Every structure is written in structure tokens, then in C-alpha cells.
Amino acid sequence: MFEFDQYLGFLAFLTILTIGFWLMIFLLTFVIPYWLFGATIENIKLKLQEKRNQK
């Protein structure tokens, strides 16, 4: 059915596919929301600081 090198290639493909899947899940559920939330908070702080400096 499979020769040994085909078996290793298939295992490598499954490994890369699984790593990519979990990396995508991690990025979509943790990294991107964390980045957006931090950027929003920083923009709000900068706008408040500008308002204080103008008075």
C-alpha cells in the first residue's frame, strides 16, 4: 500500500496541517483580539491626553 518514504511524507503533511490549524485557532482567538483591544485602549488614552493638553 504505502512505501516507507510515502508514509513519512504523509505524516509530515499531517503534522504541518495540524500545526497550521492550531496556529490559526490561536491567532484568531487570542492574538488578534488582544492586539485590537490594546490598540483601542491606547487610542482612547491618546485622545484623552490631547483633550487635557488643549485646555
Protein backbone atom coordinates (compact mmCIF):
# COMPACT_ATOMS: atom_id res chain seq x y z
CA MET A 1 0.00 0.00 0.00
CA PHE A 2 2.41 2.72 1.21
CA GLU A 3 6.17 2.64 1.00
CA PHE A 4 8.11 3.98 3.94
CA ASP A 5 9.02 7.33 2.30
CA GLN A 6 5.39 7.89 1.30
CA TYR A 7 4.36 7.17 4.88
CA LEU A 8 6.87 9.74 6.20
CA GLY A 9 5.66 12.30 3.67
CA PHE A 10 2.07 11.72 4.72
CA LEU A 11 2.99 12.11 8.39
CA ALA A 12 4.89 15.32 7.61
CA PHE A 13 1.86 16.65 5.71
CA LEU A 14 -0.49 15.84 8.60
CA THR A 15 1.90 17.44 11.09
CA ILE A 16 2.18 20.67 9.09
CA LEU A 17 -1.59 20.75 8.55
CA THR A 18 -2.28 20.26 12.26
CA ILE A 19 0.26 22.89 13.32
CA GLY A 20 -1.24 25.36 10.85
CA PHE A 21 -4.76 24.65 12.09
CA TRP A 22 -3.91 25.21 15.74
CA LEU A 23 -1.84 28.30 14.91
CA MET A 24 -4.83 29.77 13.07
CA ILE A 25 -7.13 28.99 16.01
CA PHE A 26 -4.64 30.56 18.45
CA LEU A 27 -4.26 33.70 16.34
CA LEU A 28 -7.99 34.17 15.82
CA THR A 29 -8.99 33.62 19.43
CA PHE A 30 -6.14 35.25 21.37
CA VAL A 31 -3.55 37.29 19.47
CA ILE A 32 -5.78 39.34 17.16
CA PRO A 33 -8.37 40.30 19.83
CA TYR A 34 -5.55 41.15 22.27
CA TRP A 35 -3.90 43.35 19.63
CA LEU A 36 -7.15 45.12 18.70
CA PHE A 37 -8.17 45.69 22.32
CA GLY A 38 -4.72 47.09 23.19
CA ALA A 39 -4.71 49.40 20.17
CA THR A 40 -8.19 50.68 21.02
CA ILE A 41 -7.25 51.39 24.64
CA GLU A 42 -4.09 53.18 23.53
CA ASN A 43 -6.02 55.37 21.07
CA ILE A 44 -8.53 56.30 23.77
CA LYS A 45 -5.71 57.26 26.14
CA LEU A 46 -4.04 59.39 23.46
CA LYS A 47 -7.29 61.22 22.66
CA LEU A 48 -7.93 61.90 26.35
CA GLN A 49 -4.38 63.20 26.73
CA GLU A 50 -4.82 65.53 23.73
CA LYS A 51 -8.03 66.91 25.23
CA ARG A 52 -6.25 67.57 28.55
CA ASN A 53 -3.37 69.33 26.80
CA GLN A 54 -5.69 71.61 24.81
CA LYS A 55 -7.42 73.00 27.91
